[in-house]
PDB file of N, CA and C in Angstrom:
ATOM      1  N   UNK A   1      14.881   3.692  -0.305  1.00  0.00           N
ATOM      2  CA  UNK A   1      13.619   3.629  -0.284  1.00  0.00           C
ATOM      3  C   UNK A   1      13.036   3.759  -1.777  1.00  0.00           C
ATOM      4  N   UNK A   2      11.997   2.785  -2.063  1.00  0.00           N
ATOM      5  CA  UNK A   2      11.971   2.426  -2.979  1.00  0.00           C
ATOM      6  C   UNK A   2      10.447   3.362  -3.713  1.00  0.00           C
ATOM      7  N   UNK A   3      10.573   3.491  -5.221  1.00  0.00           N
ATOM      8  CA  UNK A   3       9.382   4.440  -5.518  1.00  0.00           C
ATOM      9  C   UNK A   3       8.311   3.471  -6.637  1.00  0.00           C
ATOM     10  N   UNK A   4       7.149   3.800  -6.083  1.00  0.00           N
ATOM     11  CA  UNK A   4       6.350   2.832  -7.134  1.00  0.00           C
ATOM     12  C   UNK A   4       5.875   3.483  -7.946  1.00  0.00           C
ATOM     13  N   UNK A   5       5.796   3.351  -9.243  1.00  0.00           N
ATOM     14  CA  UNK A   5       5.237   3.810 -10.583  1.00  0.00           C
ATOM     15  C   UNK A   5       3.871   3.222 -10.721  1.00  0.00           C
ATOM     16  N   UNK A   6       3.223   4.267 -11.405  1.00  0.00           N
ATOM     17  CA  UNK A   6       2.118   3.730 -12.344  1.00  0.00           C
ATOM     18  C   UNK A   6       1.991   3.798 -13.557  1.00  0.00           C
ATOM     19  N   UNK A   7       1.072   3.067 -14.510  1.00  0.00           N
ATOM     20  CA  UNK A   7       0.874   3.788 -15.427  1.00  0.00           C
ATOM     21  C   UNK A   7      -0.040   4.909 -15.513  1.00  0.00           C
ATOM     22  N   UNK A   8      -0.656   5.377 -17.127  1.00  0.00           N
ATOM     23  CA  UNK A   8      -1.639   6.366 -16.926  1.00  0.00           C
ATOM     24  C   UNK A   8      -2.691   5.780 -16.985  1.00  0.00           C
ATOM     25  N   UNK A   9      -2.978   4.537 -17.256  1.00  0.00           N
ATOM     26  CA  UNK A   9      -4.473   4.063 -17.227  1.00  0.00           C
ATOM     27  C   UNK A   9      -4.677   3.943 -15.352  1.00  0.00           C
ATOM     28  N   UNK A  10      -3.185   3.405 -14.947  1.00  0.00           N
ATOM     29  CA  UNK A  10      -3.552   3.211 -13.554  1.00  0.00           C
ATOM     30  C   UNK A  10      -4.062   4.576 -12.662  1.00  0.00           C
ATOM     31  N   UNK A  11      -3.093   5.110 -12.863  1.00  0.00           N
ATOM     32  CA  UNK A  11      -3.046   7.078 -12.498  1.00  0.00           C
ATOM     33  C   UNK A  11      -4.687   7.615 -12.841  1.00  0.00           C
ATOM     34  N   UNK A  12      -5.115   7.115 -13.519  1.00  0.00           N
ATOM     35  CA  UNK A  12      -6.226   7.841 -14.655  1.00  0.00           C
ATOM     36  C   UNK A  12      -7.411   7.271 -13.818  1.00  0.00           C
ATOM     37  N   UNK A  13      -7.371   5.828 -13.345  1.00  0.00           N
ATOM     38  CA  UNK A  13      -8.270   5.351 -12.668  1.00  0.00           C
ATOM     39  C   UNK A  13      -8.412   5.697 -11.321  1.00  0.00           C
ATOM     40  N   UNK A  14      -7.137   6.163 -10.511  1.00  0.00           N
ATOM     41  CA  UNK A  14      -7.092   6.589  -9.026  1.00  0.00           C
ATOM     42  C   UNK A  14      -8.001   7.715  -8.418  1.00  0.00           C
ATOM     43  N   UNK A  15      -7.394   8.543 -10.154  1.00  0.00           N
ATOM     44  CA  UNK A  15      -8.155  10.085  -9.694  1.00  0.00           C
ATOM     45  C   UNK A  15      -9.416  10.279 -10.724  1.00  0.00           C
ATOM     46  N   UNK A  16     -10.087   9.080 -10.971  1.00  0.00           N
ATOM     47  CA  UNK A  16     -11.417   9.239 -11.810  1.00  0.00           C
ATOM     48  C   UNK A  16     -10.987   9.779 -12.755  1.00  0.00           C
ATOM     49  N   UNK A  17     -10.146  10.225 -13.679  1.00  0.00           N
ATOM     50  CA  UNK A  17     -10.259  10.467 -14.982  1.00  0.00           C
ATOM     51  C   UNK A  17     -10.158  10.199 -16.234  1.00  0.00           C
ATOM     52  N   UNK A  18     -10.162  10.288 -17.329  1.00  0.00           N
ATOM     53  CA  UNK A  18     -10.226   9.507 -18.738  1.00  0.00           C
ATOM     54  C   UNK A  18      -8.172   9.576 -18.811  1.00  0.00           C
ATOM     55  N   UNK A  19      -7.538   8.864 -18.993  1.00  0.00           N
ATOM     56  CA  UNK A  19      -6.326   8.516 -19.419  1.00  0.00           C
ATOM     57  C   UNK A  19      -5.819   9.544 -20.673  1.00  0.00           C
ATOM     58  N   UNK A  20      -6.383   9.968 -21.494  1.00  0.00           N
ATOM     59  CA  UNK A  20      -6.212  11.043 -22.357  1.00  0.00           C
ATOM     60  C   UNK A  20      -5.893  12.121 -21.629  1.00  0.00           C
ATOM     61  N   UNK A  21      -6.900  12.737 -20.571  1.00  0.00           N
ATOM     62  CA  UNK A  21      -6.836  13.309 -19.807  1.00  0.00           C
ATOM     63  C   UNK A  21      -5.214  13.972 -19.088  1.00  0.00           C
ATOM     64  N   UNK A  22      -5.163  12.763 -18.682  1.00  0.00           N
ATOM     65  CA  UNK A  22      -3.883  12.500 -17.724  1.00  0.00           C
ATOM     66  C   UNK A  22      -2.751  12.478 -18.523  1.00  0.00           C
ATOM     67  N   UNK A  23      -2.816  12.424 -19.919  1.00  0.00           N
ATOM     68  CA  UNK A  23      -1.519  12.524 -20.674  1.00  0.00           C
ATOM     69  C   UNK A  23      -1.374  13.841 -21.163  1.00  0.00           C
ATOM     70  N   UNK A  24      -3.036  14.473 -21.442  1.00  0.00           N
ATOM     71  CA  UNK A  24      -2.859  15.624 -21.658  1.00  0.00           C
ATOM     72  C   UNK A  24      -1.839  16.702 -20.376  1.00  0.00           C
ATOM     73  N   UNK A  25      -2.351  16.447 -19.267  1.00  0.00           N
ATOM     74  CA  UNK A  25      -2.459  17.333 -18.085  1.00  0.00           C
ATOM     75  C   UNK A  25      -0.335  16.969 -17.807  1.00  0.00           C
ATOM     76  N   UNK A  26      -0.046  15.701 -18.266  1.00  0.00           N
ATOM     77  CA  UNK A  26       1.375  15.670 -18.168  1.00  0.00           C
ATOM     78  C   UNK A  26       2.371  16.406 -19.432  1.00  0.00           C
ATOM     79  N   UNK A  27       1.679  16.227 -20.762  1.00  0.00           N
ATOM     80  CA  UNK A  27       2.188  17.072 -21.765  1.00  0.00           C
ATOM     81  C   UNK A  27       1.961  18.661 -21.201  1.00  0.00           C
ATOM     82  N   UNK A  28       1.478  19.111 -20.723  1.00  0.00           N
ATOM     83  CA  UNK A  28       1.147  20.452 -20.201  1.00  0.00           C
ATOM     84  C   UNK A  28       2.077  20.586 -19.007  1.00  0.00           C
ATOM     85  N   UNK A  29       2.414  19.751 -18.252  1.00  0.00           N
ATOM     86  CA  UNK A  29       2.869  20.082 -17.309  1.00  0.00           C
ATOM     87  C   UNK A  29       2.565  19.984 -15.333  1.00  0.00           C
ATOM     88  N   UNK A  30       1.400  19.583 -15.946  1.00  0.00           N
ATOM     89  CA  UNK A  30       0.796  20.033 -14.670  1.00  0.00           C
ATOM     90  C   UNK A  30       1.088  18.367 -13.675  1.00  0.00           C
ATOM     91  N   UNK A  31       1.125  17.349 -14.622  1.00  0.00           N
ATOM     92  CA  UNK A  31       1.439  16.165 -13.745  1.00  0.00           C
ATOM     93  C   UNK A  31       2.520  15.942 -14.151  1.00  0.00           C
ATOM     94  N   UNK A  32       3.849  15.606 -13.141  1.00  0.00           N
ATOM     95  CA  UNK A  32       5.242  15.006 -13.432  1.00  0.00           C
ATOM     96  C   UNK A  32       5.052  13.590 -13.959  1.00  0.00           C
ATOM     97  N   UNK A  33       5.807  13.079 -14.871  1.00  0.00           N
ATOM     98  CA  UNK A  33       6.059  11.572 -15.334  1.00  0.00           C
ATOM     99  C   UNK A  33       7.337  11.696 -15.826  1.00  0.00           C
ATOM    100  N   UNK A  34       7.817   9.939 -15.933  1.00  0.00           N
ATOM    101  CA  UNK A  34       8.573   9.862 -16.876  1.00  0.00           C
ATOM    102  C   UNK A  34       8.309   8.875 -17.773  1.00  0.00           C
ATOM    103  N   UNK A  35       9.804   8.562 -18.626  1.00  0.00           N
ATOM    104  CA  UNK A  35       9.571   7.597 -19.910  1.00  0.00           C
ATOM    105  C   UNK A  35      10.812   6.629 -19.384  1.00  0.00           C
ATOM    106  N   UNK A  36      10.849   6.013 -19.448  1.00  0.00           N
ATOM    107  CA  UNK A  36      11.960   4.660 -18.700  1.00  0.00           C
ATOM    108  C   UNK A  36      12.573   4.562 -20.149  1.00  0.00           C
ATOM    109  N   UNK A  37      11.894   4.351 -21.538  1.00  0.00           N
ATOM    110  CA  UNK A  37      12.846   4.181 -22.180  1.00  0.00           C
ATOM    111  C   UNK A  37      12.482   5.700 -23.686  1.00  0.00           C
ATOM    112  N   UNK A  38      13.462   5.677 -24.591  1.00  0.00           N
ATOM    113  CA  UNK A  38      12.943   6.995 -25.697  1.00  0.00           C
ATOM    114  C   UNK A  38      12.314   6.188 -26.588  1.00  0.00           C
ATOM    115  N   UNK A  39      11.427   7.612 -27.267  1.00  0.00           N
ATOM    116  CA  UNK A  39      10.830   7.505 -28.721  1.00  0.00           C
ATOM    117  C   UNK A  39       9.758   7.719 -28.229  1.00  0.00           C
ATOM    118  N   UNK A  40       8.365   8.278 -29.005  1.00  0.00           N
ATOM    119  CA  UNK A  40       7.385   8.619 -29.319  1.00  0.00           C
ATOM    120  C   UNK A  40       6.781   8.023 -28.446  1.00  0.00           C
ATOM    121  N   UNK A  41       6.608   6.362 -28.641  1.00  0.00           N
ATOM    122  CA  UNK A  41       4.968   5.830 -28.039  1.00  0.00           C
ATOM    123  C   UNK A  41       6.048   5.026 -26.847  1.00  0.00           C
ATOM    124  N   UNK A  42       7.044   5.883 -26.432  1.00  0.00           N
ATOM    125  CA  UNK A  42       7.207   4.864 -24.816  1.00  0.00           C
ATOM    126  C   UNK A  42       6.370   5.329 -23.815  1.00  0.00           C
ATOM    127  N   UNK A  43       5.653   4.459 -23.176  1.00  0.00           N
ATOM    128  CA  UNK A  43       4.879   4.867 -21.862  1.00  0.00           C
ATOM    129  C   UNK A  43       5.116   5.710 -20.567  1.00  0.00           C
ATOM    130  N   UNK A  44       4.496   6.432 -20.922  1.00  0.00           N
ATOM    131  CA  UNK A  44       4.717   7.129 -19.368  1.00  0.00           C
ATOM    132  C   UNK A  44       4.401   6.527 -18.008  1.00  0.00           C
ATOM    133  N   UNK A  45       5.404   6.939 -17.362  1.00  0.00           N
ATOM    134  CA  UNK A  45       5.361   6.381 -15.581  1.00  0.00           C
ATOM    135  C   UNK A  45       5.379   7.294 -14.854  1.00  0.00           C
ATOM    136  N   UNK A  46       4.127   7.457 -13.815  1.00  0.00           N
ATOM    137  CA  UNK A  46       3.754   8.203 -13.153  1.00  0.00           C
ATOM    138  C   UNK A  46       4.216   7.960 -11.932  1.00  0.00           C
ATOM    139  N   UNK A  47       5.245   8.504 -10.758  1.00  0.00           N
ATOM    140  CA  UNK A  47       5.207   8.290  -9.407  1.00  0.00           C
ATOM    141  C   UNK A  47       3.882   8.515  -8.507  1.00  0.00           C
ATOM    142  N   UNK A  48       3.859   7.535  -7.835  1.00  0.00           N
ATOM    143  CA  UNK A  48       2.845   7.192  -6.901  1.00  0.00           C
ATOM    144  C   UNK A  48       2.493   8.179  -5.930  1.00  0.00           C
ATOM    145  N   UNK A  49       3.511   9.033  -5.678  1.00  0.00           N
ATOM    146  CA  UNK A  49       3.653  10.003  -4.710  1.00  0.00           C
ATOM    147  C   UNK A  49       2.637  11.121  -5.480  1.00  0.00           C
ATOM    148  N   UNK A  50       2.791  11.417  -6.624  1.00  0.00           N
ATOM    149  CA  UNK A  50       1.913  12.545  -7.204  1.00  0.00           C
ATOM    150  C   UNK A  50       0.622  12.815  -7.398  1.00  0.00           C
ATOM    151  N   UNK A  51      -0.146  11.456  -6.960  1.00  0.00           N
ATOM    152  CA  UNK A  51      -1.142  11.296  -6.343  1.00  0.00           C
ATOM    153  C   UNK A  51      -1.399  12.221  -4.623  1.00  0.00           C
ATOM    154  N   UNK A  52      -0.662  12.260  -4.037  1.00  0.00           N
ATOM    155  CA  UNK A  52      -0.648  12.802  -2.718  1.00  0.00           C
ATOM    156  C   UNK A  52       0.050  14.768  -3.081  1.00  0.00           C
ATOM    157  N   UNK A  53       0.439  14.591  -3.660  1.00  0.00           N
ATOM    158  CA  UNK A  53       1.036  16.065  -4.461  1.00  0.00           C
ATOM    159  C   UNK A  53      -0.551  16.924  -4.998  1.00  0.00           C
ATOM    160  N   UNK A  54      -0.808  16.230  -6.034  1.00  0.00           N
ATOM    161  CA  UNK A  54      -2.491  16.706  -6.804  1.00  0.00           C
ATOM    162  C   UNK A  54      -3.284  16.383  -5.705  1.00  0.00           C
ATOM    163  N   UNK A  55      -3.275  15.919  -4.736  1.00  0.00           N
ATOM    164  CA  UNK A  55      -4.279  15.896  -4.079  1.00  0.00           C
ATOM    165  C   UNK A  55      -4.142  17.333  -2.782  1.00  0.00           C
ATOM    166  N   UNK A  56      -3.071  17.427  -2.216  1.00  0.00           N
ATOM    167  CA  UNK A  56      -2.426  18.735  -1.242  1.00  0.00           C
ATOM    168  C   UNK A  56      -3.109  19.908  -2.667  1.00  0.00           C
ATOM    169  N   UNK A  57      -2.462  19.914  -3.642  1.00  0.00           N
ATOM    170  CA  UNK A  57      -2.802  21.267  -4.526  1.00  0.00           C
ATOM    171  C   UNK A  57      -4.342  21.350  -4.947  1.00  0.00           C
ATOM    172  N   UNK A  58      -5.034  20.103  -4.225  1.00  0.00           N
ATOM    173  CA  UNK A  58      -6.488  20.520  -4.855  1.00  0.00           C
ATOM    174  C   UNK A  58      -6.703  20.203  -6.763  1.00  0.00           C
ATOM    175  N   UNK A  59      -5.602  19.887  -7.250  1.00  0.00           N
ATOM    176  CA  UNK A  59      -6.137  19.030  -8.455  1.00  0.00           C
ATOM    177  C   UNK A  59      -7.053  17.897  -8.764  1.00  0.00           C
ATOM    178  N   UNK A  60      -7.093  17.085  -7.627  1.00  0.00           N
ATOM    179  CA  UNK A  60      -7.802  15.760  -8.066  1.00  0.00           C
ATOM    180  C   UNK A  60      -9.135  16.025  -7.604  1.00  0.00           C
ATOM    181  N   UNK A  61     -10.632  15.658  -7.983  1.00  0.00           N
ATOM    182  CA  UNK A  61     -11.783  16.154  -7.633  1.00  0.00           C
ATOM    183  C   UNK A  61     -11.952  15.088  -6.516  1.00  0.00           C
ATOM    184  N   UNK A  62     -12.444  15.441  -5.092  1.00  0.00           N
ATOM    185  CA  UNK A  62     -12.742  14.348  -4.065  1.00  0.00           C
ATOM    186  C   UNK A  62     -14.568  13.846  -4.350  1.00  0.00           C
ATOM    187  N   UNK A  63     -14.911  13.313  -5.475  1.00  0.00           N
ATOM    188  CA  UNK A  63     -16.023  13.105  -5.683  1.00  0.00           C
ATOM    189  C   UNK A  63     -16.696  11.633  -4.388  1.00  0.00           C
ATOM    190  N   UNK A  64     -16.114  12.149  -3.631  1.00  0.00           N
ATOM    191  CA  UNK A  64     -16.907  11.430  -2.083  1.00  0.00           C
ATOM    192  C   UNK A  64     -17.359  12.155  -1.009  1.00  0.00           C
ATOM    193  N   UNK A  65     -17.258  13.619  -1.372  1.00  0.00           N
ATOM    194  CA  UNK A  65     -17.779  14.535  -0.309  1.00  0.00           C
ATOM    195  C   UNK A  65     -19.025  14.640  -0.072  1.00  0.00           C
ATOM    196  N   UNK A  66     -19.892  14.994   0.349  1.00  0.00           N
ATOM    197  CA  UNK A  66     -21.059  14.851   0.656  1.00  0.00           C
ATOM    198  C   UNK A  66     -21.570  16.203   0.494  1.00  0.00           C
TER     199      UNK A  66
END
């Protein structure tokens, strides 16, 4: 089974948040992410399955609600 990863920017666009808000949530432990390399400037990668987990926990706003 292959895991698809998203960048912070891609993830933020999907959940309609600013990338800075996503990074803050990662640092607070609200969003699980990994860094494929070491170093402070290494980019975060977020598993696509995190979208579903956040949706089920009600952390993502559904702006399409009527």
